[in-house]
Amino acid sequence: MRSYLILFSILILTACKDNQPQNTEEEPATVEVIDDKLLGKISKDDLMEPVFAEWFQPAYESYEVNTEFVNSYKADLKTYEIEVFMGTWCEDSQREVPTLFKILEAADFPMEQFRMVAIDDEIDNYKRSPDGDEEGKNIHHVPTIILKRDGEEINRIIEYPVRTIEEDLQLIMEGNYTPYYYAADMVHGKLNEMGLESFKENMEALAAEFNGKTRDVYELNTYAKTIFRQGKKEEGIQVATLNTMIYPENPNAYAGLGSRYTDMDRNQEALEMFEKAVELAPDDSEFKALLEEVQAKL
C-alpha cells in the first residue's frame, strides 16, 4: 500500500511540474557603456540617457513626420520585422535613428518586432557588437536598417535614405528599392561567390562591371576597411585595389589602399600608393603626412 502512495505522489509532482509555465525566452543581453558609447542590444530608453540624449532628443523632436504618407502603409509595415545596426559614435546614426523612431511611432509599429544593435568603432572591434549580432549580415555602413518578413531579409536602407526614410520604407515594401550603398553588397556577394583567388584573377572584369555602380570612392573604401579590420585582410586589400581601378584618378582610392598596406607593414607598397595620392592631390596635407609617415619606416 505504501509503495502505491509513493508512486501516486511522484505522478502528482511530475504533473504539477509539467503544467508550470516554462521560461523559453533568452536572457536579455547586457548593454555595455564604454567611453560614452553604447554597445549591444539597445532601446530608445538607452538613447534617452545623458550624453546620448544630447543628440537624440533634438533630432527626434525637430523631425516632422509625413503622417499622411505613413498612414497609407502603416498596416502593411506591421507585417515586417525591423533590425537596425547603428553606432552611437556615428553622425549618420545620430541623424537617422531618432528620425526612424519618430516614424515608427507615427505608424504605431509594434516594437516587439523591432531590434536595435549598437556596434563599435575601435580598430580591434570594428563594427562589431558584444554578442556578434552583426555576423553574416555584411554591416559595412551605419546605420543599416533591415526590413524582414518571417525572419528573411527583404531589403535594407544603408547609411542614408535614398529619398526619405518614410518613402524608402514604402519602396522596400513595394519591391522597388535600391539602397544608397548597394555596390558594396554586390562586391561582398562576388567575393563569397567567386572566392578570393578567382576575385583577384578577374579584377579587370570586376572593375568594368562595377564602374558607374558605386555611389562614390568612399563606398568600397569603407567596405574594404570594415572587412580588413574584421580579419579578412587580403580580401580588404583586393577590394581596395578594385577601388583604385574604378577610380584611377581619385587620390582617396590610393590613400585607402595605402592605409591597408600600412596596417600590414607592407610599407613599400604603401609608399607607392601614397605617392600616387600626392601626385593627384599635391596640396593635400593629409596625403603628404601619410607619405612622410611611411617614408620614415623605410
C-alpha atoms as a PDB file:
ATOM      1  CA  MET A   1       0.000   0.000   0.000  1.00  0.00           C
ATOM      2  CA  ARG A   2       2.803   2.353   0.888  1.00  0.00           C
ATOM      3  CA  SER A   3       4.506   1.802  -2.496  1.00  0.00           C
ATOM      4  CA  TYR A   4       1.293   2.804  -4.266  1.00  0.00           C
ATOM      5  CA  LEU A   5       1.117   6.018  -2.250  1.00  0.00           C
ATOM      6  CA  ILE A   6       4.721   6.879  -3.130  1.00  0.00           C
ATOM      7  CA  LEU A   7       4.103   6.230  -6.824  1.00  0.00           C
ATOM      8  CA  PHE A   8       0.928   8.341  -6.715  1.00  0.00           C
ATOM      9  CA  SER A   9       2.831  11.237  -5.080  1.00  0.00           C
ATOM     10  CA  ILE A  10       5.559  11.112  -7.744  1.00  0.00           C
ATOM     11  CA  LEU A  11       2.957  11.240 -10.525  1.00  0.00           C
ATOM     12  CA  ILE A  12       1.216  14.246  -8.946  1.00  0.00           C
ATOM     13  CA  LEU A  13       4.503  16.161  -8.527  1.00  0.00           C
ATOM     14  CA  THR A  14       5.536  15.409 -12.119  1.00  0.00           C
ATOM     15  CA  ALA A  15       2.192  16.594 -13.471  1.00  0.00           C
ATOM     16  CA  CYS A  16       2.391  19.837 -11.470  1.00  0.00           C
ATOM     17  CA  LYS A  17       5.909  20.488 -12.747  1.00  0.00           C
ATOM     18  CA  ASP A  18       4.879  19.876 -16.363  1.00  0.00           C
ATOM     19  CA  ASN A  19       1.959  22.277 -16.054  1.00  0.00           C
ATOM     20  CA  GLN A  20       4.100  25.125 -14.773  1.00  0.00           C
ATOM     21  CA  PRO A  21       4.914  27.814 -17.397  1.00  0.00           C
ATOM     22  CA  GLN A  22       8.399  27.348 -18.794  1.00  0.00           C
ATOM     23  CA  ASN A  23      10.606  30.369 -19.485  1.00  0.00           C
ATOM     24  CA  THR A  24      11.851  29.726 -23.022  1.00  0.00           C
ATOM     25  CA  GLU A  25      12.969  33.304 -23.773  1.00  0.00           C
ATOM     26  CA  GLU A  26      16.671  34.097 -23.981  1.00  0.00           C
ATOM     27  CA  GLU A  27      18.167  36.174 -21.222  1.00  0.00           C
ATOM     28  CA  PRO A  28      18.425  39.776 -22.410  1.00  0.00           C
ATOM     29  CA  ALA A  29      21.928  40.806 -23.405  1.00  0.00           C
ATOM     30  CA  THR A  30      23.700  43.356 -21.237  1.00  0.00           C
ATOM     31  CA  VAL A  31      24.090  46.807 -22.711  1.00  0.00           C
ATOM     32  CA  GLU A  32      27.675  47.979 -22.427  1.00  0.00           C
ATOM     33  CA  VAL A  33      28.648  51.626 -21.999  1.00  0.00           C
ATOM     34  CA  ILE A  34      32.290  52.253 -22.923  1.00  0.00           C
ATOM     35  CA  ASP A  35      33.816  55.716 -23.366  1.00  0.00           C
ATOM     36  CA  ASP A  36      30.438  57.354 -23.950  1.00  0.00           C
ATOM     37  CA  LYS A  37      29.424  54.645 -26.425  1.00  0.00           C
ATOM     38  CA  LEU A  38      26.627  52.133 -26.193  1.00  0.00           C
ATOM     39  CA  LEU A  39      27.348  48.601 -27.379  1.00  0.00           C
ATOM     40  CA  GLY A  40      24.985  45.668 -27.768  1.00  0.00           C
ATOM     41  CA  LYS A  41      21.212  45.390 -27.973  1.00  0.00           C
ATOM     42  CA  ILE A  42      19.751  48.760 -27.050  1.00  0.00           C
ATOM     43  CA  SER A  43      16.410  50.554 -26.938  1.00  0.00           C
ATOM     44  CA  LYS A  44      15.089  54.082 -27.201  1.00  0.00           C
ATOM     45  CA  ASP A  45      15.289  54.328 -23.409  1.00  0.00           C
ATOM     46  CA  ASP A  46      19.046  53.781 -23.596  1.00  0.00           C
ATOM     47  CA  LEU A  47      19.344  56.625 -26.094  1.00  0.00           C
ATOM     48  CA  MET A  48      17.397  58.902 -23.761  1.00  0.00           C
ATOM     49  CA  GLU A  49      20.102  58.630 -21.108  1.00  0.00           C
ATOM     50  CA  PRO A  50      22.528  61.553 -20.560  1.00  0.00           C
ATOM     51  CA  VAL A  51      25.188  62.048 -23.254  1.00  0.00           C
ATOM     52  CA  PHE A  52      23.161  60.188 -25.880  1.00  0.00           C
ATOM     53  CA  ALA A  53      20.067  62.321 -25.290  1.00  0.00           C
ATOM     54  CA  GLU A  54      22.145  65.355 -26.242  1.00  0.00           C
ATOM     55  CA  TRP A  55      21.926  64.321 -29.888  1.00  0.00           C
ATOM     56  CA  PHE A  56      18.894  62.011 -29.814  1.00  0.00           C
ATOM     57  CA  GLN A  57      16.370  64.399 -28.291  1.00  0.00           C
ATOM     58  CA  PRO A  58      16.881  67.428 -30.610  1.00  0.00           C
ATOM     59  CA  ALA A  59      16.871  65.251 -33.751  1.00  0.00           C
ATOM     60  CA  TYR A  60      13.778  63.374 -32.574  1.00  0.00           C
ATOM     61  CA  GLU A  61      11.812  66.465 -31.605  1.00  0.00           C
ATOM     62  CA  SER A  62      12.702  68.515 -34.691  1.00  0.00           C
ATOM     63  CA  TYR A  63      11.746  65.907 -37.285  1.00  0.00           C
ATOM     64  CA  GLU A  64       8.307  66.318 -38.831  1.00  0.00           C
ATOM     65  CA  VAL A  65       6.894  63.001 -39.957  1.00  0.00           C
ATOM     66  CA  ASN A  66       4.831  62.920 -43.128  1.00  0.00           C
ATOM     67  CA  THR A  67       1.957  61.274 -41.279  1.00  0.00           C
ATOM     68  CA  GLU A  68      -0.386  61.243 -44.270  1.00  0.00           C
ATOM     69  CA  PHE A  69       2.220  59.284 -46.204  1.00  0.00           C
ATOM     70  CA  VAL A  70       2.963  56.912 -43.311  1.00  0.00           C
ATOM     71  CA  ASN A  71      -0.738  56.286 -42.654  1.00  0.00           C
ATOM     72  CA  SER A  72      -1.095  54.987 -46.204  1.00  0.00           C
ATOM     73  CA  TYR A  73       1.090  51.943 -45.466  1.00  0.00           C
ATOM     74  CA  LYS A  74       1.185  51.569 -41.663  1.00  0.00           C
ATOM     75  CA  ALA A  75      -0.940  48.397 -41.710  1.00  0.00           C
ATOM     76  CA  ASP A  76       1.408  46.727 -44.202  1.00  0.00           C
ATOM     77  CA  LEU A  77       4.500  47.849 -42.269  1.00  0.00           C
ATOM     78  CA  LYS A  78       3.269  45.936 -39.223  1.00  0.00           C
ATOM     79  CA  THR A  79       3.722  42.668 -41.121  1.00  0.00           C
ATOM     80  CA  TYR A  80       7.502  43.195 -41.143  1.00  0.00           C
ATOM     81  CA  GLU A  81      10.265  42.957 -38.566  1.00  0.00           C
ATOM     82  CA  ILE A  82      12.903  45.698 -38.424  1.00  0.00           C
ATOM     83  CA  GLU A  83      16.509  45.250 -37.330  1.00  0.00           C
ATOM     84  CA  VAL A  84      18.838  48.232 -37.002  1.00  0.00           C
ATOM     85  CA  PHE A  85      22.618  48.360 -36.682  1.00  0.00           C
ATOM     86  CA  MET A  86      23.923  51.736 -35.589  1.00  0.00           C
ATOM     87  CA  GLY A  87      26.795  53.452 -33.850  1.00  0.00           C
ATOM     88  CA  THR A  88      26.212  55.971 -31.076  1.00  0.00           C
ATOM     89  CA  TRP A  89      29.564  57.446 -32.210  1.00  0.00           C
ATOM     90  CA  CYS A  90      28.341  57.867 -35.818  1.00  0.00           C
ATOM     91  CA  GLU A  91      26.890  61.166 -37.050  1.00  0.00           C
ATOM     92  CA  ASP A  92      24.743  59.406 -39.648  1.00  0.00           C
ATOM     93  CA  SER A  93      23.253  57.176 -36.953  1.00  0.00           C
ATOM     94  CA  GLN A  94      22.703  60.197 -34.731  1.00  0.00           C
ATOM     95  CA  ARG A  95      20.726  61.809 -37.541  1.00  0.00           C
ATOM     96  CA  GLU A  96      18.728  58.866 -38.898  1.00  0.00           C
ATOM     97  CA  VAL A  97      17.921  56.740 -35.836  1.00  0.00           C
ATOM     98  CA  PRO A  98      15.870  59.415 -33.989  1.00  0.00           C
ATOM     99  CA  THR A  99      14.016  60.016 -37.257  1.00  0.00           C
ATOM    100  CA  LEU A 100      13.278  56.303 -37.615  1.00  0.00           C
ATOM    101  CA  PHE A 101      11.877  56.093 -34.082  1.00  0.00           C
ATOM    102  CA  LYS A 102       9.552  59.014 -34.699  1.00  0.00           C
ATOM    103  CA  ILE A 103       8.324  57.470 -37.957  1.00  0.00           C
ATOM    104  CA  LEU A 104       7.709  54.071 -36.361  1.00  0.00           C
ATOM    105  CA  GLU A 105       5.794  55.674 -33.511  1.00  0.00           C
ATOM    106  CA  ALA A 106       3.634  57.572 -36.014  1.00  0.00           C
ATOM    107  CA  ALA A 107       2.983  54.238 -37.744  1.00  0.00           C
ATOM    108  CA  ASP A 108       2.034  52.523 -34.444  1.00  0.00           C
ATOM    109  CA  PHE A 109       4.681  49.929 -35.274  1.00  0.00           C
ATOM    110  CA  PRO A 110       4.741  47.014 -32.785  1.00  0.00           C
ATOM    111  CA  MET A 111       8.112  47.426 -31.070  1.00  0.00           C
ATOM    112  CA  GLU A 112       8.291  43.752 -30.152  1.00  0.00           C
ATOM    113  CA  GLN A 113       9.099  43.371 -33.866  1.00  0.00           C
ATOM    114  CA  PHE A 114      11.926  45.898 -33.613  1.00  0.00           C
ATOM    115  CA  ARG A 115      15.537  45.178 -32.662  1.00  0.00           C
ATOM    116  CA  MET A 116      18.480  47.574 -32.495  1.00  0.00           C
ATOM    117  CA  VAL A 117      22.161  46.766 -32.044  1.00  0.00           C
ATOM    118  CA  ALA A 118      24.907  49.298 -31.299  1.00  0.00           C
ATOM    119  CA  ILE A 119      28.301  48.413 -32.769  1.00  0.00           C
ATOM    120  CA  ASP A 120      31.831  49.622 -32.051  1.00  0.00           C
ATOM    121  CA  ASP A 121      34.298  51.801 -33.971  1.00  0.00           C
ATOM    122  CA  GLU A 122      37.519  50.676 -32.295  1.00  0.00           C
ATOM    123  CA  ILE A 123      40.115  49.169 -34.640  1.00  0.00           C
ATOM    124  CA  ASP A 124      40.201  45.820 -32.823  1.00  0.00           C
ATOM    125  CA  ASN A 125      36.412  45.592 -32.639  1.00  0.00           C
ATOM    126  CA  TYR A 126      35.443  47.493 -35.785  1.00  0.00           C
ATOM    127  CA  LYS A 127      31.703  47.466 -36.497  1.00  0.00           C
ATOM    128  CA  ARG A 128      31.169  44.582 -34.116  1.00  0.00           C
ATOM    129  CA  SER A 129      28.834  44.105 -31.162  1.00  0.00           C
ATOM    130  CA  PRO A 130      29.476  42.210 -27.907  1.00  0.00           C
ATOM    131  CA  ASP A 131      27.219  39.307 -28.903  1.00  0.00           C
ATOM    132  CA  GLY A 132      28.244  39.180 -32.567  1.00  0.00           C
ATOM    133  CA  ASP A 133      24.758  40.064 -33.824  1.00  0.00           C
ATOM    134  CA  GLU A 134      26.282  41.561 -36.981  1.00  0.00           C
ATOM    135  CA  GLU A 135      27.959  38.322 -38.075  1.00  0.00           C
ATOM    136  CA  GLY A 136      26.949  37.163 -41.539  1.00  0.00           C
ATOM    137  CA  LYS A 137      24.961  40.351 -42.219  1.00  0.00           C
ATOM    138  CA  ASN A 138      27.585  42.417 -44.071  1.00  0.00           C
ATOM    139  CA  ILE A 139      27.257  45.570 -41.980  1.00  0.00           C
ATOM    140  CA  HIS A 140      29.688  47.998 -43.609  1.00  0.00           C
ATOM    141  CA  HIS A 141      27.957  51.381 -43.217  1.00  0.00           C
ATOM    142  CA  VAL A 142      25.807  52.535 -40.324  1.00  0.00           C
ATOM    143  CA  PRO A 143      23.035  52.943 -39.717  1.00  0.00           C
ATOM    144  CA  THR A 144      21.786  49.895 -41.573  1.00  0.00           C
ATOM    145  CA  ILE A 145      18.021  49.428 -41.324  1.00  0.00           C
ATOM    146  CA  ILE A 146      16.937  45.928 -42.346  1.00  0.00           C
ATOM    147  CA  LEU A 147      13.329  45.008 -43.150  1.00  0.00           C
ATOM    148  CA  LYS A 148      12.490  41.339 -42.686  1.00  0.00           C
ATOM    149  CA  ARG A 149       9.450  39.185 -43.137  1.00  0.00           C
ATOM    150  CA  ASP A 150       9.236  35.856 -41.314  1.00  0.00           C
ATOM    151  CA  GLY A 151      12.896  36.283 -40.399  1.00  0.00           C
ATOM    152  CA  GLU A 152      14.075  36.681 -44.007  1.00  0.00           C
ATOM    153  CA  GLU A 153      15.653  39.936 -45.150  1.00  0.00           C
ATOM    154  CA  ILE A 154      13.627  41.785 -47.792  1.00  0.00           C
ATOM    155  CA  ASN A 155      15.889  44.814 -48.236  1.00  0.00           C
ATOM    156  CA  ARG A 156      17.836  47.402 -46.283  1.00  0.00           C
ATOM    157  CA  ILE A 157      18.459  51.134 -46.010  1.00  0.00           C
ATOM    158  CA  ILE A 158      22.222  51.697 -45.860  1.00  0.00           C
ATOM    159  CA  GLU A 159      23.552  54.809 -44.086  1.00  0.00           C
ATOM    160  CA  TYR A 160      21.338  57.308 -45.918  1.00  0.00           C
ATOM    161  CA  PRO A 161      17.790  57.022 -47.216  1.00  0.00           C
ATOM    162  CA  VAL A 162      17.677  57.407 -50.986  1.00  0.00           C
ATOM    163  CA  ARG A 163      14.681  59.747 -50.593  1.00  0.00           C
ATOM    164  CA  THR A 164      13.380  59.931 -47.040  1.00  0.00           C
ATOM    165  CA  ILE A 165      13.004  57.083 -44.554  1.00  0.00           C
ATOM    166  CA  GLU A 166       9.209  57.266 -44.956  1.00  0.00           C
ATOM    167  CA  GLU A 167       9.478  56.915 -48.724  1.00  0.00           C
ATOM    168  CA  ASP A 168      12.250  54.323 -48.633  1.00  0.00           C
ATOM    169  CA  LEU A 169      10.200  52.059 -46.369  1.00  0.00           C
ATOM    170  CA  GLN A 170       7.337  52.177 -48.843  1.00  0.00           C
ATOM    171  CA  LEU A 171       9.628  51.464 -51.796  1.00  0.00           C
ATOM    172  CA  ILE A 172      11.035  48.430 -49.982  1.00  0.00           C
ATOM    173  CA  MET A 173       7.541  47.092 -49.298  1.00  0.00           C
ATOM    174  CA  GLU A 174       6.657  47.651 -52.965  1.00  0.00           C
ATOM    175  CA  GLY A 175       9.760  45.722 -54.034  1.00  0.00           C
ATOM    176  CA  ASN A 176      11.132  48.727 -55.889  1.00  0.00           C
ATOM    177  CA  TYR A 177      14.160  49.829 -53.879  1.00  0.00           C
ATOM    178  CA  THR A 178      17.913  50.016 -54.391  1.00  0.00           C
ATOM    179  CA  PRO A 179      19.888  51.103 -51.293  1.00  0.00           C
ATOM    180  CA  TYR A 180      22.256  54.055 -51.296  1.00  0.00           C
ATOM    181  CA  TYR A 181      25.384  51.894 -50.939  1.00  0.00           C
ATOM    182  CA  TYR A 182      24.262  48.787 -52.801  1.00  0.00           C
ATOM    183  CA  ALA A 183      27.511  48.215 -54.752  1.00  0.00           C
ATOM    184  CA  ALA A 184      29.355  47.209 -51.567  1.00  0.00           C
ATOM    185  CA  ASP A 185      26.761  44.475 -51.050  1.00  0.00           C
ATOM    186  CA  MET A 186      27.254  43.344 -54.654  1.00  0.00           C
ATOM    187  CA  VAL A 187      31.038  43.193 -54.224  1.00  0.00           C
ATOM    188  CA  HIS A 188      30.501  41.250 -50.991  1.00  0.00           C
ATOM    189  CA  GLY A 189      28.386  38.778 -52.934  1.00  0.00           C
ATOM    190  CA  LYS A 190      31.053  38.427 -55.614  1.00  0.00           C
ATOM    191  CA  LEU A 191      33.727  37.704 -53.008  1.00  0.00           C
ATOM    192  CA  ASN A 192      31.611  34.975 -51.451  1.00  0.00           C
ATOM    193  CA  GLU A 193      30.566  33.527 -54.793  1.00  0.00           C
ATOM    194  CA  MET A 194      33.948  33.596 -56.539  1.00  0.00           C
ATOM    195  CA  GLY A 195      36.341  33.117 -53.653  1.00  0.00           C
ATOM    196  CA  LEU A 196      39.410  35.258 -53.071  1.00  0.00           C
ATOM    197  CA  GLU A 197      41.705  33.769 -55.734  1.00  0.00           C
ATOM    198  CA  SER A 198      39.137  33.991 -58.527  1.00  0.00           C
ATOM    199  CA  PHE A 199      38.252  37.509 -57.407  1.00  0.00           C
ATOM    200  CA  LYS A 200      41.920  38.514 -57.755  1.00  0.00           C
ATOM    201  CA  GLU A 201      42.261  36.853 -61.158  1.00  0.00           C
ATOM    202  CA  ASN A 202      39.197  38.632 -62.554  1.00  0.00           C
ATOM    203  CA  MET A 203      39.903  42.112 -61.235  1.00  0.00           C
ATOM    204  CA  GLU A 204      39.765  43.897 -64.602  1.00  0.00           C
ATOM    205  CA  ALA A 205      36.413  42.354 -65.456  1.00  0.00           C
ATOM    206  CA  LEU A 206      35.091  43.265 -61.993  1.00  0.00           C
ATOM    207  CA  ALA A 207      36.292  46.852 -62.385  1.00  0.00           C
ATOM    208  CA  ALA A 208      34.417  47.101 -65.675  1.00  0.00           C
ATOM    209  CA  GLU A 209      31.317  45.539 -64.116  1.00  0.00           C
ATOM    210  CA  PHE A 210      31.229  47.910 -61.149  1.00  0.00           C
ATOM    211  CA  ASN A 211      32.302  51.057 -62.969  1.00  0.00           C
ATOM    212  CA  GLY A 212      29.483  53.571 -62.526  1.00  0.00           C
ATOM    213  CA  LYS A 213      27.663  51.489 -59.917  1.00  0.00           C
ATOM    214  CA  THR A 214      29.439  52.651 -56.779  1.00  0.00           C
ATOM    215  CA  ARG A 215      27.987  55.758 -55.192  1.00  0.00           C
ATOM    216  CA  ASP A 216      31.395  57.329 -54.583  1.00  0.00           C
ATOM    217  CA  VAL A 217      35.022  56.431 -53.864  1.00  0.00           C
ATOM    218  CA  TYR A 218      34.274  56.041 -50.163  1.00  0.00           C
ATOM    219  CA  GLU A 219      31.764  53.214 -50.609  1.00  0.00           C
ATOM    220  CA  LEU A 220      34.325  50.486 -51.319  1.00  0.00           C
ATOM    221  CA  ASN A 221      36.988  52.235 -49.209  1.00  0.00           C
ATOM    222  CA  THR A 222      34.718  51.799 -46.193  1.00  0.00           C
ATOM    223  CA  TYR A 223      33.747  48.247 -47.103  1.00  0.00           C
ATOM    224  CA  ALA A 224      37.423  47.313 -47.598  1.00  0.00           C
ATOM    225  CA  LYS A 225      38.362  48.815 -44.235  1.00  0.00           C
ATOM    226  CA  THR A 226      35.499  47.014 -42.493  1.00  0.00           C
ATOM    227  CA  ILE A 227      36.314  43.515 -43.702  1.00  0.00           C
ATOM    228  CA  PHE A 228      40.055  44.157 -43.261  1.00  0.00           C
ATOM    229  CA  ARG A 229      39.610  45.106 -39.602  1.00  0.00           C
ATOM    230  CA  GLN A 230      37.348  42.126 -39.051  1.00  0.00           C
ATOM    231  CA  GLY A 231      40.151  39.782 -40.035  1.00  0.00           C
ATOM    232  CA  LYS A 232      39.722  39.411 -43.794  1.00  0.00           C
ATOM    233  CA  LYS A 233      42.908  41.299 -44.547  1.00  0.00           C
ATOM    234  CA  GLU A 234      43.675  40.014 -48.040  1.00  0.00           C
ATOM    235  CA  GLU A 235      40.028  40.464 -49.049  1.00  0.00           C
ATOM    236  CA  GLY A 236      40.222  44.053 -47.810  1.00  0.00           C
ATOM    237  CA  ILE A 237      43.379  44.632 -49.852  1.00  0.00           C
ATOM    238  CA  GLN A 238      41.760  43.296 -53.008  1.00  0.00           C
ATOM    239  CA  VAL A 239      38.581  45.363 -52.590  1.00  0.00           C
ATOM    240  CA  ALA A 240      40.702  48.483 -52.036  1.00  0.00           C
ATOM    241  CA  THR A 241      42.714  47.584 -55.148  1.00  0.00           C
ATOM    242  CA  LEU A 242      39.480  47.219 -57.107  1.00  0.00           C
ATOM    243  CA  ASN A 243      38.512  50.693 -55.915  1.00  0.00           C
ATOM    244  CA  THR A 244      41.697  52.196 -57.442  1.00  0.00           C
ATOM    245  CA  MET A 245      40.753  50.577 -60.751  1.00  0.00           C
ATOM    246  CA  ILE A 246      37.239  52.024 -60.609  1.00  0.00           C
ATOM    247  CA  TYR A 247      38.556  55.456 -59.556  1.00  0.00           C
ATOM    248  CA  PRO A 248      42.017  55.693 -61.200  1.00  0.00           C
ATOM    249  CA  GLU A 249      42.085  59.492 -60.933  1.00  0.00           C
ATOM    250  CA  ASN A 250      40.856  59.772 -57.361  1.00  0.00           C
ATOM    251  CA  PRO A 251      43.596  60.186 -54.712  1.00  0.00           C
ATOM    252  CA  ASN A 252      41.324  58.867 -51.944  1.00  0.00           C
ATOM    253  CA  ALA A 253      41.236  55.438 -53.592  1.00  0.00           C
ATOM    254  CA  TYR A 254      45.035  55.179 -53.471  1.00  0.00           C
ATOM    255  CA  ALA A 255      45.193  56.559 -49.929  1.00  0.00           C
ATOM    256  CA  GLY A 256      42.656  53.931 -48.855  1.00  0.00           C
ATOM    257  CA  LEU A 257      44.709  51.107 -50.341  1.00  0.00           C
ATOM    258  CA  GLY A 258      47.897  52.627 -48.924  1.00  0.00           C
ATOM    259  CA  SER A 259      46.376  52.631 -45.447  1.00  0.00           C
ATOM    260  CA  ARG A 260      45.540  48.928 -45.711  1.00  0.00           C
ATOM    261  CA  TYR A 261      49.131  48.182 -46.776  1.00  0.00           C
ATOM    262  CA  THR A 262      50.400  50.269 -43.841  1.00  0.00           C
ATOM    263  CA  ASP A 263      48.245  48.251 -41.458  1.00  0.00           C
ATOM    264  CA  MET A 264      50.016  45.115 -42.726  1.00  0.00           C
ATOM    265  CA  ASP A 265      53.501  46.695 -42.565  1.00  0.00           C
ATOM    266  CA  ARG A 266      53.772  46.369 -46.324  1.00  0.00           C
ATOM    267  CA  ASN A 267      55.443  49.745 -46.373  1.00  0.00           C
ATOM    268  CA  GLN A 268      56.950  49.744 -49.860  1.00  0.00           C
ATOM    269  CA  GLU A 269      53.542  49.084 -51.394  1.00  0.00           C
ATOM    270  CA  ALA A 270      52.013  51.703 -49.092  1.00  0.00           C
ATOM    271  CA  LEU A 271      54.658  54.199 -50.236  1.00  0.00           C
ATOM    272  CA  GLU A 272      53.705  53.713 -53.871  1.00  0.00           C
ATOM    273  CA  MET A 273      50.022  54.294 -53.112  1.00  0.00           C
ATOM    274  CA  PHE A 274      50.626  57.452 -51.068  1.00  0.00           C
ATOM    275  CA  GLU A 275      52.974  58.793 -53.739  1.00  0.00           C
ATOM    276  CA  LYS A 276      50.176  58.343 -56.270  1.00  0.00           C
ATOM    277  CA  ALA A 277      47.711  60.106 -53.952  1.00  0.00           C
ATOM    278  CA  VAL A 278      50.092  63.068 -53.516  1.00  0.00           C
ATOM    279  CA  GLU A 279      50.706  63.167 -57.272  1.00  0.00           C
ATOM    280  CA  LEU A 280      46.973  63.514 -57.872  1.00  0.00           C
ATOM    281  CA  ALA A 281      46.427  65.972 -54.984  1.00  0.00           C
ATOM    282  CA  PRO A 282      49.761  67.729 -54.350  1.00  0.00           C
ATOM    283  CA  ASP A 283      48.276  70.307 -51.971  1.00  0.00           C
ATOM    284  CA  ASP A 284      46.545  67.826 -49.671  1.00  0.00           C
ATOM    285  CA  SER A 285      48.284  67.921 -46.286  1.00  0.00           C
ATOM    286  CA  GLU A 286      46.756  64.633 -45.109  1.00  0.00           C
ATOM    287  CA  PHE A 287      48.148  62.682 -48.053  1.00  0.00           C
ATOM    288  CA  LYS A 288      51.544  64.308 -47.553  1.00  0.00           C
ATOM    289  CA  ALA A 289      51.542  63.332 -43.877  1.00  0.00           C
ATOM    290  CA  LEU A 290      50.714  59.726 -44.745  1.00  0.00           C
ATOM    291  CA  LEU A 291      53.535  59.667 -47.278  1.00  0.00           C
ATOM    292  CA  GLU A 292      56.053  61.114 -44.832  1.00  0.00           C
ATOM    293  CA  GLU A 293      54.997  58.649 -42.157  1.00  0.00           C
ATOM    294  CA  VAL A 294      55.596  55.616 -44.343  1.00  0.00           C
ATOM    295  CA  GLN A 295      58.847  57.082 -45.733  1.00  0.00           C
ATOM    296  CA  ALA A 296      60.166  57.229 -42.169  1.00  0.00           C
ATOM    297  CA  LYS A 297      59.582  53.475 -41.818  1.00  0.00           C
ATOM    298  CA  LEU A 298      61.746  52.565 -44.838  1.00  0.00           C
END
